[in-house]
């Protein structure tokens, strides 16, 4: 059984390296619903969490490099700015997942929906996740009722008008963006296994 697991992990590595050689490492994009959101802090928190698991993360500059250099990067992160624009179309088309960062205010929720609506008119949507910044989040990570209501409104609107159901919700405090990202990274690992996650026992991955 151990030999079979080892062969399977080797096969996963070979398939992944072949895919990277032809298309580049998996791309994850971050999009803000409005200009008041600091994507750089979110980017750094996710990057730090991924790096702690042995995942080598590159950015937009690394995407443009050719040859074996690409094989040294497990994931690409791209800050795609605010909302959707035509010059970001290729990013949305190539993305394994897009993380839309917003807040609980009605205007921000509407802006997040508008972002997805505009993108869906240009290209099929990739996996969509939302990250809500919640000033009312509890010290133990308890999600406030307004945040749950905001997410429900956003999810229902996307399902009704776009035929798109967001894959997941991450909630963090804008005052402390160091916490709350482990589950998000774990979900992205399920999409694109990399780093130390490739050598974990299969049973551990499935848990």
N, C-alpha and C. Protein backbone atom coordinates (compact mmCIF):
# COMPACT_ATOMS: atom_id res chain seq x y z
N UNK A 1 0.83 -1.20 0.00
CA UNK A 1 0.00 0.00 0.00
C UNK A 1 0.87 1.26 0.00
N UNK A 2 1.97 1.23 0.81
CA UNK A 2 2.88 2.37 0.84
C UNK A 2 3.53 2.59 -0.52
N UNK A 3 3.87 1.49 -1.20
CA UNK A 3 4.48 1.62 -2.52
C UNK A 3 3.50 2.23 -3.51
N UNK A 4 2.23 1.83 -3.41
CA UNK A 4 1.23 2.40 -4.30
C UNK A 4 1.06 3.90 -4.05
N UNK A 5 1.05 4.28 -2.78
CA UNK A 5 0.93 5.71 -2.43
C UNK A 5 2.12 6.49 -2.95
N UNK A 6 3.31 5.91 -2.84
CA UNK A 6 4.52 6.58 -3.33
C UNK A 6 4.46 6.76 -4.84
N UNK A 7 4.05 5.69 -5.54
CA UNK A 7 3.94 5.80 -7.01
C UNK A 7 2.92 6.86 -7.40
N UNK A 8 1.80 6.93 -6.66
CA UNK A 8 0.77 7.91 -6.97
C UNK A 8 1.28 9.32 -6.77
N UNK A 9 2.02 9.55 -5.68
CA UNK A 9 2.59 10.88 -5.45
C UNK A 9 3.59 11.24 -6.54
N UNK A 10 4.39 10.25 -6.98
CA UNK A 10 5.35 10.51 -8.07
C UNK A 10 4.62 10.88 -9.35
N UNK A 11 3.51 10.19 -9.60
CA UNK A 11 2.72 10.48 -10.80
C UNK A 11 2.13 11.88 -10.74
N UNK A 12 1.65 12.26 -9.55
CA UNK A 12 1.10 13.62 -9.39
C UNK A 12 2.17 14.66 -9.68
N UNK A 13 3.38 14.43 -9.15
CA UNK A 13 4.48 15.37 -9.42
C UNK A 13 4.78 15.46 -10.91
N UNK A 14 4.83 14.31 -11.60
CA UNK A 14 5.15 14.30 -13.02
C UNK A 14 4.09 15.03 -13.83
N UNK A 15 2.83 14.77 -13.52
CA UNK A 15 1.74 15.44 -14.24
C UNK A 15 1.78 16.94 -13.99
N UNK A 16 2.01 17.31 -12.72
CA UNK A 16 2.06 18.73 -12.39
C UNK A 16 3.22 19.43 -13.09
N UNK A 17 4.40 18.81 -13.11
CA UNK A 17 5.55 19.42 -13.76
C UNK A 17 5.32 19.56 -15.26
N UNK A 18 4.65 18.58 -15.86
CA UNK A 18 4.34 18.67 -17.29
C UNK A 18 3.38 19.82 -17.55
N UNK A 19 2.41 20.00 -16.65
CA UNK A 19 1.45 21.10 -16.83
C UNK A 19 2.12 22.45 -16.66
N UNK A 20 3.02 22.55 -15.67
CA UNK A 20 3.74 23.80 -15.45
C UNK A 20 4.62 24.14 -16.65
N UNK A 21 5.26 23.13 -17.22
CA UNK A 21 6.14 23.36 -18.37
C UNK A 21 5.37 23.90 -19.56
N UNK A 22 4.10 23.49 -19.70
CA UNK A 22 3.33 23.91 -20.87
C UNK A 22 2.51 25.17 -20.63
N UNK A 23 2.02 25.38 -19.41
CA UNK A 23 1.13 26.52 -19.17
C UNK A 23 1.60 27.43 -18.05
N UNK A 24 2.62 27.06 -17.33
CA UNK A 24 3.03 27.84 -16.18
C UNK A 24 2.36 27.35 -14.91
N UNK A 25 2.86 27.77 -13.74
CA UNK A 25 2.29 27.33 -12.46
C UNK A 25 0.84 27.79 -12.31
N UNK A 26 0.04 27.11 -11.48
CA UNK A 26 -1.34 27.53 -11.23
C UNK A 26 -1.38 28.99 -10.76
N UNK A 27 -2.37 29.71 -11.26
CA UNK A 27 -2.48 31.13 -10.98
C UNK A 27 -3.68 31.39 -10.07
N UNK A 28 -3.45 32.16 -9.01
CA UNK A 28 -4.52 32.59 -8.12
C UNK A 28 -4.55 34.12 -8.12
N UNK A 29 -5.72 34.68 -8.39
CA UNK A 29 -5.84 36.14 -8.51
C UNK A 29 -6.64 36.72 -7.34
N UNK A 30 -6.21 37.89 -6.89
CA UNK A 30 -6.91 38.64 -5.84
C UNK A 30 -7.51 39.89 -6.45
N UNK A 31 -8.78 40.14 -6.18
CA UNK A 31 -9.49 41.29 -6.74
C UNK A 31 -10.19 42.02 -5.60
N UNK A 32 -10.06 43.34 -5.56
CA UNK A 32 -10.75 44.15 -4.55
C UNK A 32 -12.04 44.70 -5.13
N UNK A 33 -13.08 44.78 -4.28
CA UNK A 33 -14.36 45.32 -4.75
C UNK A 33 -14.35 46.84 -4.80
N UNK A 34 -13.48 47.47 -4.01
CA UNK A 34 -13.39 48.94 -4.02
C UNK A 34 -11.99 49.39 -3.63
N UNK A 35 -11.70 50.67 -3.83
CA UNK A 35 -10.34 51.19 -3.67
C UNK A 35 -9.89 51.26 -2.22
N UNK A 36 -10.81 51.18 -1.28
CA UNK A 36 -10.44 51.30 0.13
C UNK A 36 -9.79 50.03 0.67
N UNK A 37 -9.82 48.95 -0.09
CA UNK A 37 -9.30 47.67 0.36
C UNK A 37 -7.82 47.54 0.00
N UNK A 38 -7.01 47.14 0.97
CA UNK A 38 -5.58 46.96 0.78
C UNK A 38 -5.29 45.51 0.40
N UNK A 39 -5.13 45.26 -0.88
CA UNK A 39 -4.87 43.90 -1.34
C UNK A 39 -3.49 43.41 -0.92
N UNK A 40 -2.55 44.31 -0.75
CA UNK A 40 -1.18 43.89 -0.46
C UNK A 40 -1.11 43.15 0.88
N UNK A 41 -1.88 43.59 1.88
CA UNK A 41 -1.86 42.92 3.18
C UNK A 41 -2.47 41.52 3.07
N UNK A 42 -3.55 41.40 2.30
CA UNK A 42 -4.17 40.09 2.08
C UNK A 42 -3.20 39.18 1.34
N UNK A 43 -2.58 39.71 0.30
CA UNK A 43 -1.61 38.95 -0.50
C UNK A 43 -0.51 38.39 0.39
N UNK A 44 0.06 39.25 1.24
CA UNK A 44 1.17 38.83 2.09
C UNK A 44 0.75 37.77 3.10
N UNK A 45 -0.48 37.88 3.62
CA UNK A 45 -0.95 36.90 4.60
C UNK A 45 -1.13 35.53 3.96
N UNK A 46 -1.70 35.50 2.76
CA UNK A 46 -1.88 34.22 2.06
C UNK A 46 -0.52 33.65 1.67
N UNK A 47 0.34 34.50 1.19
CA UNK A 47 1.68 34.05 0.78
C UNK A 47 2.43 33.46 1.97
N UNK A 48 2.36 34.12 3.13
CA UNK A 48 3.04 33.65 4.32
C UNK A 48 2.51 32.28 4.74
N UNK A 49 1.19 32.11 4.68
CA UNK A 49 0.57 30.84 5.06
C UNK A 49 0.97 29.73 4.10
N UNK A 50 1.00 30.03 2.81
CA UNK A 50 1.39 29.02 1.82
C UNK A 50 2.87 28.65 1.96
N UNK A 51 3.70 29.65 2.17
CA UNK A 51 5.14 29.41 2.30
C UNK A 51 5.44 28.52 3.50
N UNK A 52 4.65 28.67 4.56
CA UNK A 52 4.86 27.85 5.76
C UNK A 52 4.62 26.37 5.48
N UNK A 53 3.92 26.07 4.38
CA UNK A 53 3.67 24.68 4.00
C UNK A 53 4.59 24.23 2.87
N UNK A 54 5.65 24.99 2.65
CA UNK A 54 6.63 24.60 1.65
C UNK A 54 6.23 24.92 0.23
N UNK A 55 5.23 25.78 0.05
CA UNK A 55 4.78 26.14 -1.30
C UNK A 55 5.54 27.37 -1.76
N UNK A 56 6.18 27.25 -2.91
CA UNK A 56 6.96 28.36 -3.46
C UNK A 56 6.05 29.24 -4.30
N UNK A 57 5.92 30.49 -3.88
CA UNK A 57 4.96 31.41 -4.49
C UNK A 57 5.69 32.47 -5.29
N UNK A 58 5.22 32.70 -6.52
CA UNK A 58 5.77 33.74 -7.36
C UNK A 58 4.70 34.76 -7.68
N UNK A 59 5.10 35.86 -8.31
CA UNK A 59 4.17 36.92 -8.66
C UNK A 59 4.11 37.16 -10.15
N UNK A 60 3.63 38.34 -10.52
CA UNK A 60 3.41 38.66 -11.93
C UNK A 60 4.71 38.62 -12.74
N UNK A 61 5.83 39.07 -12.15
CA UNK A 61 7.10 39.08 -12.87
C UNK A 61 7.52 37.66 -13.19
N UNK A 62 7.37 36.76 -12.21
CA UNK A 62 7.76 35.37 -12.42
C UNK A 62 6.95 34.71 -13.52
N UNK A 63 5.68 35.14 -13.69
CA UNK A 63 4.82 34.57 -14.73
C UNK A 63 5.43 34.75 -16.12
N UNK A 64 6.14 35.87 -16.29
CA UNK A 64 6.61 36.23 -17.62
C UNK A 64 7.92 35.54 -17.98
N UNK A 65 8.58 34.92 -16.99
CA UNK A 65 9.84 34.26 -17.26
C UNK A 65 9.61 32.91 -17.92
N UNK A 66 10.55 32.49 -18.73
CA UNK A 66 10.40 31.27 -19.51
C UNK A 66 11.39 30.20 -19.06
N UNK A 67 11.18 29.01 -19.54
CA UNK A 67 12.12 27.94 -19.30
C UNK A 67 11.97 27.29 -17.94
N UNK A 68 13.07 26.65 -17.48
CA UNK A 68 13.05 25.90 -16.23
C UNK A 68 12.78 26.77 -15.00
N UNK A 69 12.99 28.08 -15.10
CA UNK A 69 12.76 28.97 -13.96
C UNK A 69 11.33 28.81 -13.44
N UNK A 70 10.36 28.58 -14.34
CA UNK A 70 8.98 28.44 -13.94
C UNK A 70 8.76 27.25 -13.02
N UNK A 71 9.57 26.20 -13.20
CA UNK A 71 9.40 24.99 -12.41
C UNK A 71 9.76 25.22 -10.94
N UNK A 72 10.44 26.32 -10.65
CA UNK A 72 10.81 26.62 -9.27
C UNK A 72 9.67 27.31 -8.52
N UNK A 73 8.58 27.61 -9.20
CA UNK A 73 7.44 28.27 -8.59
C UNK A 73 6.26 27.31 -8.57
N UNK A 74 5.67 27.12 -7.40
CA UNK A 74 4.52 26.23 -7.29
C UNK A 74 3.21 26.96 -7.63
N UNK A 75 3.07 28.17 -7.13
CA UNK A 75 1.86 28.97 -7.36
C UNK A 75 2.24 30.37 -7.83
N UNK A 76 1.38 30.95 -8.66
CA UNK A 76 1.50 32.35 -9.03
C UNK A 76 0.40 33.13 -8.32
N UNK A 77 0.75 34.27 -7.72
CA UNK A 77 -0.23 35.19 -7.15
C UNK A 77 -0.23 36.47 -7.98
N UNK A 78 -1.42 36.95 -8.32
CA UNK A 78 -1.54 38.20 -9.07
C UNK A 78 -2.56 39.09 -8.37
N UNK A 79 -2.16 40.30 -8.05
CA UNK A 79 -3.10 41.30 -7.56
C UNK A 79 -3.75 41.95 -8.78
N UNK A 80 -5.03 41.62 -9.00
CA UNK A 80 -5.70 42.06 -10.23
C UNK A 80 -6.40 43.40 -10.09
N UNK A 81 -6.12 44.12 -9.01
CA UNK A 81 -6.64 45.46 -8.87
C UNK A 81 -8.07 45.53 -8.37
N UNK A 82 -8.75 46.62 -8.73
CA UNK A 82 -10.11 46.88 -8.26
C UNK A 82 -11.11 46.55 -9.37
N UNK A 83 -12.10 45.72 -9.03
CA UNK A 83 -13.14 45.39 -10.01
C UNK A 83 -12.61 44.60 -11.19
N UNK A 84 -13.36 44.66 -12.30
CA UNK A 84 -12.95 43.96 -13.51
C UNK A 84 -12.69 44.97 -14.61
N UNK A 85 -11.61 44.74 -15.35
CA UNK A 85 -11.31 45.57 -16.52
C UNK A 85 -10.83 44.66 -17.64
N UNK A 86 -10.95 45.14 -18.85
CA UNK A 86 -10.62 44.33 -20.02
C UNK A 86 -9.15 43.89 -20.00
N UNK A 87 -8.28 44.73 -19.46
CA UNK A 87 -6.86 44.36 -19.47
C UNK A 87 -6.54 43.25 -18.47
N UNK A 88 -7.50 42.89 -17.62
CA UNK A 88 -7.31 41.77 -16.70
C UNK A 88 -8.00 40.49 -17.20
N UNK A 89 -8.52 40.52 -18.39
CA UNK A 89 -9.25 39.37 -18.90
C UNK A 89 -8.40 38.09 -18.92
N UNK A 90 -7.17 38.20 -19.38
CA UNK A 90 -6.32 37.01 -19.46
C UNK A 90 -6.05 36.43 -18.08
N UNK A 91 -5.96 37.30 -17.07
CA UNK A 91 -5.77 36.81 -15.70
C UNK A 91 -6.95 35.97 -15.26
N UNK A 92 -8.17 36.45 -15.52
CA UNK A 92 -9.37 35.70 -15.16
C UNK A 92 -9.46 34.39 -15.94
N UNK A 93 -9.05 34.42 -17.20
CA UNK A 93 -9.12 33.21 -18.03
C UNK A 93 -8.13 32.14 -17.54
N UNK A 94 -6.98 32.57 -17.06
CA UNK A 94 -5.94 31.62 -16.65
C UNK A 94 -6.05 31.19 -15.19
N UNK A 95 -6.82 31.92 -14.40
CA UNK A 95 -6.84 31.69 -12.96
C UNK A 95 -7.46 30.35 -12.58
N UNK A 96 -6.82 29.67 -11.65
CA UNK A 96 -7.41 28.47 -11.04
C UNK A 96 -8.52 28.88 -10.08
N UNK A 97 -8.35 30.04 -9.45
CA UNK A 97 -9.36 30.59 -8.56
C UNK A 97 -9.15 32.10 -8.47
N UNK A 98 -10.25 32.82 -8.25
CA UNK A 98 -10.20 34.26 -8.02
C UNK A 98 -10.79 34.55 -6.64
N UNK A 99 -10.04 35.28 -5.83
CA UNK A 99 -10.50 35.68 -4.51
C UNK A 99 -10.97 37.13 -4.58
N UNK A 100 -12.27 37.34 -4.38
CA UNK A 100 -12.84 38.68 -4.40
C UNK A 100 -12.89 39.19 -2.97
N UNK A 101 -12.18 40.27 -2.70
CA UNK A 101 -12.08 40.83 -1.35
C UNK A 101 -13.04 42.00 -1.24
N UNK A 102 -13.91 41.96 -0.22
CA UNK A 102 -14.89 43.01 -0.05
C UNK A 102 -15.17 43.23 1.43
N UNK A 103 -16.10 44.12 1.72
CA UNK A 103 -16.52 44.37 3.10
C UNK A 103 -18.03 44.14 3.18
N UNK A 104 -18.59 44.37 4.35
CA UNK A 104 -20.00 44.04 4.57
C UNK A 104 -20.96 45.15 4.17
N UNK A 105 -20.46 46.33 3.81
CA UNK A 105 -21.35 47.43 3.45
C UNK A 105 -22.08 47.11 2.15
N UNK A 106 -23.32 47.60 2.05
CA UNK A 106 -24.15 47.32 0.87
C UNK A 106 -23.46 47.74 -0.41
N UNK A 107 -22.80 48.90 -0.39
CA UNK A 107 -22.14 49.39 -1.61
C UNK A 107 -21.00 48.47 -2.03
N UNK A 108 -20.28 47.96 -1.05
CA UNK A 108 -19.17 47.05 -1.35
C UNK A 108 -19.68 45.71 -1.87
N UNK A 109 -20.78 45.22 -1.31
CA UNK A 109 -21.38 43.97 -1.78
C UNK A 109 -21.85 44.12 -3.22
N UNK A 110 -22.48 45.25 -3.52
CA UNK A 110 -22.91 45.51 -4.90
C UNK A 110 -21.72 45.57 -5.84
N UNK A 111 -20.63 46.21 -5.40
CA UNK A 111 -19.43 46.31 -6.24
C UNK A 111 -18.84 44.93 -6.50
N UNK A 112 -18.86 44.04 -5.50
CA UNK A 112 -18.34 42.69 -5.68
C UNK A 112 -19.18 41.94 -6.72
N UNK A 113 -20.50 42.07 -6.62
CA UNK A 113 -21.37 41.41 -7.61
C UNK A 113 -21.13 41.98 -9.00
N UNK A 114 -21.00 43.30 -9.10
CA UNK A 114 -20.76 43.93 -10.40
C UNK A 114 -19.47 43.44 -11.02
N UNK A 115 -18.45 43.24 -10.19
CA UNK A 115 -17.17 42.71 -10.68
C UNK A 115 -17.37 41.36 -11.36
N UNK A 116 -18.11 40.47 -10.70
CA UNK A 116 -18.35 39.14 -11.26
C UNK A 116 -19.24 39.22 -12.50
N UNK A 117 -20.21 40.12 -12.49
CA UNK A 117 -21.10 40.26 -13.64
C UNK A 117 -20.31 40.69 -14.88
N UNK A 118 -19.46 41.70 -14.71
CA UNK A 118 -18.66 42.18 -15.85
C UNK A 118 -17.70 41.10 -16.34
N UNK A 119 -17.08 40.40 -15.41
CA UNK A 119 -16.15 39.34 -15.80
C UNK A 119 -16.88 38.22 -16.55
N UNK A 120 -18.06 37.85 -16.07
CA UNK A 120 -18.80 36.74 -16.68
C UNK A 120 -19.27 37.06 -18.09
N UNK A 121 -19.35 38.35 -18.40
CA UNK A 121 -19.74 38.75 -19.76
C UNK A 121 -18.59 38.60 -20.75
N UNK A 122 -17.38 38.43 -20.23
CA UNK A 122 -16.19 38.34 -21.07
C UNK A 122 -15.58 36.94 -21.12
N UNK A 123 -15.73 36.18 -20.03
CA UNK A 123 -15.07 34.88 -19.94
C UNK A 123 -15.80 34.01 -18.92
N UNK A 124 -15.79 32.69 -19.11
CA UNK A 124 -16.36 31.81 -18.07
C UNK A 124 -15.64 32.04 -16.74
N UNK A 125 -16.41 32.11 -15.67
CA UNK A 125 -15.81 32.39 -14.37
C UNK A 125 -15.05 31.17 -13.86
N UNK A 126 -13.88 31.39 -13.29
CA UNK A 126 -13.15 30.29 -12.61
C UNK A 126 -13.79 30.03 -11.25
N UNK A 127 -13.14 29.24 -10.42
CA UNK A 127 -13.59 29.08 -9.04
C UNK A 127 -13.55 30.45 -8.36
N UNK A 128 -14.67 30.83 -7.73
CA UNK A 128 -14.76 32.13 -7.08
C UNK A 128 -14.88 31.94 -5.58
N UNK A 129 -14.04 32.65 -4.84
CA UNK A 129 -14.16 32.70 -3.39
C UNK A 129 -14.28 34.16 -2.96
N UNK A 130 -14.94 34.36 -1.82
CA UNK A 130 -15.04 35.70 -1.26
C UNK A 130 -14.27 35.79 0.04
N UNK A 131 -13.62 36.92 0.24
CA UNK A 131 -13.01 37.23 1.52
C UNK A 131 -13.67 38.52 2.01
N UNK A 132 -14.34 38.44 3.16
CA UNK A 132 -15.00 39.60 3.75
C UNK A 132 -14.21 40.12 4.93
N UNK A 133 -13.92 41.41 4.89
CA UNK A 133 -13.27 42.06 6.02
C UNK A 133 -14.36 42.51 6.99
N UNK A 134 -14.28 42.02 8.23
CA UNK A 134 -15.35 42.23 9.20
C UNK A 134 -14.79 42.86 10.46
N UNK A 135 -15.15 44.11 10.71
CA UNK A 135 -14.68 44.79 11.91
C UNK A 135 -15.26 44.18 13.18
N UNK A 136 -16.38 43.46 13.04
CA UNK A 136 -17.08 42.93 14.21
C UNK A 136 -16.70 41.49 14.53
N UNK A 137 -15.70 40.94 13.82
CA UNK A 137 -15.34 39.54 14.06
C UNK A 137 -14.83 39.38 15.49
N UNK A 138 -15.24 38.29 16.15
CA UNK A 138 -14.86 38.05 17.53
C UNK A 138 -13.41 37.62 17.66
N UNK A 139 -12.90 37.68 18.88
CA UNK A 139 -11.51 37.30 19.12
C UNK A 139 -11.26 35.84 18.81
N UNK A 140 -12.28 35.01 18.94
CA UNK A 140 -12.14 33.59 18.65
C UNK A 140 -12.56 33.26 17.23
N UNK A 141 -12.70 34.29 16.40
CA UNK A 141 -13.04 34.07 15.00
C UNK A 141 -14.52 33.93 14.72
N UNK A 142 -15.36 34.26 15.71
CA UNK A 142 -16.81 34.16 15.49
C UNK A 142 -17.25 35.18 14.47
N UNK A 143 -18.00 34.72 13.45
CA UNK A 143 -18.45 35.59 12.37
C UNK A 143 -19.71 36.31 12.80
N UNK A 144 -19.76 37.62 12.58
CA UNK A 144 -20.91 38.41 13.00
C UNK A 144 -22.11 38.14 12.11
N UNK A 145 -23.30 38.38 12.64
CA UNK A 145 -24.53 38.18 11.89
C UNK A 145 -24.60 39.05 10.64
N UNK A 146 -24.22 40.35 10.71
CA UNK A 146 -24.22 41.18 9.49
C UNK A 146 -23.35 40.60 8.37
N UNK A 147 -22.23 39.99 8.75
CA UNK A 147 -21.35 39.39 7.74
C UNK A 147 -22.00 38.19 7.09
N UNK A 148 -22.63 37.34 7.88
CA UNK A 148 -23.34 36.18 7.33
C UNK A 148 -24.46 36.64 6.41
N UNK A 149 -25.18 37.68 6.80
CA UNK A 149 -26.27 38.19 5.98
C UNK A 149 -25.74 38.77 4.67
N UNK A 150 -24.61 39.48 4.76
CA UNK A 150 -24.01 40.06 3.55
C UNK A 150 -23.58 38.96 2.59
N UNK A 151 -22.98 37.90 3.12
CA UNK A 151 -22.54 36.79 2.28
C UNK A 151 -23.74 36.08 1.65
N UNK A 152 -24.80 35.90 2.42
CA UNK A 152 -26.01 35.27 1.89
C UNK A 152 -26.59 36.09 0.75
N UNK A 153 -26.63 37.41 0.92
CA UNK A 153 -27.15 38.28 -0.15
C UNK A 153 -26.30 38.15 -1.40
N UNK A 154 -25.01 38.16 -1.22
CA UNK A 154 -24.10 38.09 -2.36
C UNK A 154 -24.20 36.74 -3.06
N UNK A 155 -24.24 35.67 -2.28
CA UNK A 155 -24.33 34.33 -2.85
C UNK A 155 -25.64 34.14 -3.60
N UNK A 156 -26.75 34.55 -2.98
CA UNK A 156 -28.06 34.40 -3.62
C UNK A 156 -28.15 35.20 -4.91
N UNK A 157 -27.59 36.41 -4.90
CA UNK A 157 -27.62 37.25 -6.11
C UNK A 157 -26.79 36.63 -7.23
N UNK A 158 -25.61 36.12 -6.88
CA UNK A 158 -24.76 35.49 -7.89
C UNK A 158 -25.44 34.25 -8.48
N UNK A 159 -26.06 33.46 -7.62
CA UNK A 159 -26.75 32.26 -8.11
C UNK A 159 -27.92 32.61 -9.01
N UNK A 160 -28.67 33.60 -8.61
CA UNK A 160 -29.89 33.95 -9.35
C UNK A 160 -29.59 34.58 -10.69
N UNK A 161 -28.64 35.49 -10.74
CA UNK A 161 -28.42 36.27 -11.96
C UNK A 161 -27.21 35.82 -12.79
N UNK A 162 -26.27 35.13 -12.15
CA UNK A 162 -25.07 34.72 -12.88
C UNK A 162 -24.94 33.21 -13.01
N UNK A 163 -25.78 32.47 -12.29
CA UNK A 163 -25.65 31.01 -12.30
C UNK A 163 -24.34 30.56 -11.70
N UNK A 164 -23.81 31.34 -10.77
CA UNK A 164 -22.50 31.08 -10.16
C UNK A 164 -22.65 31.04 -8.66
N UNK A 165 -22.24 29.95 -8.03
CA UNK A 165 -22.24 29.89 -6.58
C UNK A 165 -20.81 29.97 -6.08
N UNK A 166 -20.48 30.99 -5.28
CA UNK A 166 -19.13 31.09 -4.72
C UNK A 166 -18.74 29.82 -3.98
N UNK A 167 -17.48 29.42 -4.12
CA UNK A 167 -17.02 28.16 -3.54
C UNK A 167 -16.89 28.23 -2.03
N UNK A 168 -16.52 29.39 -1.50
CA UNK A 168 -16.28 29.47 -0.05
C UNK A 168 -16.18 30.92 0.39
N UNK A 169 -16.23 31.09 1.71
CA UNK A 169 -16.10 32.40 2.34
C UNK A 169 -14.98 32.36 3.37
N UNK A 170 -14.12 33.37 3.34
CA UNK A 170 -13.13 33.58 4.38
C UNK A 170 -13.43 34.93 5.02
N UNK A 171 -13.42 34.99 6.33
CA UNK A 171 -13.68 36.24 7.05
C UNK A 171 -12.47 36.58 7.90
N UNK A 172 -11.98 37.81 7.77
CA UNK A 172 -10.84 38.26 8.55
C UNK A 172 -11.12 39.65 9.10
N UNK A 173 -10.37 40.01 10.13
CA UNK A 173 -10.46 41.36 10.67
C UNK A 173 -9.50 42.26 9.91
N UNK A 174 -9.97 43.42 9.42
CA UNK A 174 -9.04 44.34 8.74
C UNK A 174 -7.98 44.90 9.67
N UNK A 175 -8.19 44.77 10.97
CA UNK A 175 -7.20 45.26 11.94
C UNK A 175 -6.06 44.28 12.14
N UNK A 176 -6.31 43.02 11.80
CA UNK A 176 -5.27 41.99 12.00
C UNK A 176 -5.46 40.94 10.91
N UNK A 177 -4.71 41.08 9.82
CA UNK A 177 -4.86 40.18 8.67
C UNK A 177 -3.92 38.99 8.74
N UNK A 178 -3.35 38.71 9.92
CA UNK A 178 -2.40 37.59 10.03
C UNK A 178 -3.11 36.26 10.18
N UNK A 179 -4.38 36.30 10.58
CA UNK A 179 -5.07 35.07 10.92
C UNK A 179 -6.25 34.83 9.97
N UNK A 180 -6.66 33.57 9.89
CA UNK A 180 -7.87 33.24 9.14
C UNK A 180 -7.64 32.70 7.75
N UNK A 181 -6.36 32.48 7.37
CA UNK A 181 -6.09 32.12 5.99
C UNK A 181 -5.75 30.64 5.79
N UNK A 182 -5.62 29.88 6.87
CA UNK A 182 -5.20 28.49 6.73
C UNK A 182 -6.22 27.68 5.92
N UNK A 183 -7.51 27.83 6.22
CA UNK A 183 -8.52 27.06 5.49
C UNK A 183 -8.56 27.45 4.02
N UNK A 184 -8.35 28.73 3.74
CA UNK A 184 -8.32 29.18 2.34
C UNK A 184 -7.17 28.50 1.59
N UNK A 185 -5.98 28.53 2.18
CA UNK A 185 -4.82 27.89 1.55
C UNK A 185 -5.06 26.40 1.38
N UNK A 186 -5.68 25.76 2.37
CA UNK A 186 -5.97 24.33 2.27
C UNK A 186 -6.90 24.04 1.08
N UNK A 187 -7.86 24.92 0.86
CA UNK A 187 -8.77 24.73 -0.29
C UNK A 187 -8.00 24.88 -1.60
N UNK A 188 -7.08 25.84 -1.65
CA UNK A 188 -6.29 26.02 -2.87
C UNK A 188 -5.32 24.87 -3.08
N UNK A 189 -4.85 24.28 -2.00
CA UNK A 189 -3.99 23.09 -2.11
C UNK A 189 -4.78 21.95 -2.76
N UNK A 190 -6.07 21.85 -2.45
CA UNK A 190 -6.90 20.81 -3.07
C UNK A 190 -7.02 21.04 -4.57
N UNK A 191 -6.98 22.30 -5.00
CA UNK A 191 -7.02 22.63 -6.43
C UNK A 191 -5.67 22.39 -7.09
N UNK A 192 -4.60 22.78 -6.40
CA UNK A 192 -3.25 22.69 -6.98
C UNK A 192 -2.26 22.24 -5.91
N UNK A 193 -2.17 20.93 -5.64
CA UNK A 193 -1.22 20.44 -4.62
C UNK A 193 0.20 20.88 -4.96
N UNK A 194 0.94 21.26 -3.92
CA UNK A 194 2.30 21.76 -4.16
C UNK A 194 3.09 21.68 -2.87
N UNK A 195 4.40 21.89 -3.00
CA UNK A 195 5.26 21.96 -1.84
C UNK A 195 5.22 20.69 -1.00
N UNK A 196 5.22 20.87 0.31
CA UNK A 196 5.23 19.74 1.24
C UNK A 196 3.93 18.93 1.15
N UNK A 197 2.85 19.55 0.63
CA UNK A 197 1.57 18.84 0.56
C UNK A 197 1.64 17.64 -0.37
N UNK A 198 2.59 17.63 -1.30
CA UNK A 198 2.71 16.50 -2.23
C UNK A 198 3.28 15.26 -1.55
N UNK A 199 3.94 15.45 -0.42
CA UNK A 199 4.55 14.31 0.26
C UNK A 199 3.76 13.85 1.47
N UNK A 200 2.60 14.48 1.72
CA UNK A 200 1.78 14.03 2.83
C UNK A 200 1.13 12.69 2.51
N UNK A 201 0.85 11.88 3.52
CA UNK A 201 0.07 10.67 3.30
C UNK A 201 -1.28 11.02 2.69
N UNK A 202 -1.78 10.17 1.79
CA UNK A 202 -3.03 10.45 1.12
C UNK A 202 -4.18 10.56 2.10
N UNK A 203 -4.18 9.79 3.16
CA UNK A 203 -5.26 9.85 4.14
C UNK A 203 -5.29 11.21 4.81
N UNK A 204 -4.12 11.80 5.02
CA UNK A 204 -4.06 13.11 5.66
C UNK A 204 -4.64 14.18 4.76
N UNK A 205 -4.40 14.05 3.42
CA UNK A 205 -4.97 15.02 2.50
C UNK A 205 -6.48 14.95 2.47
N UNK A 206 -6.99 13.75 2.59
CA UNK A 206 -8.43 13.57 2.45
C UNK A 206 -9.20 14.06 3.65
N UNK A 207 -8.55 14.20 4.81
CA UNK A 207 -9.24 14.63 6.03
C UNK A 207 -9.70 16.06 5.92
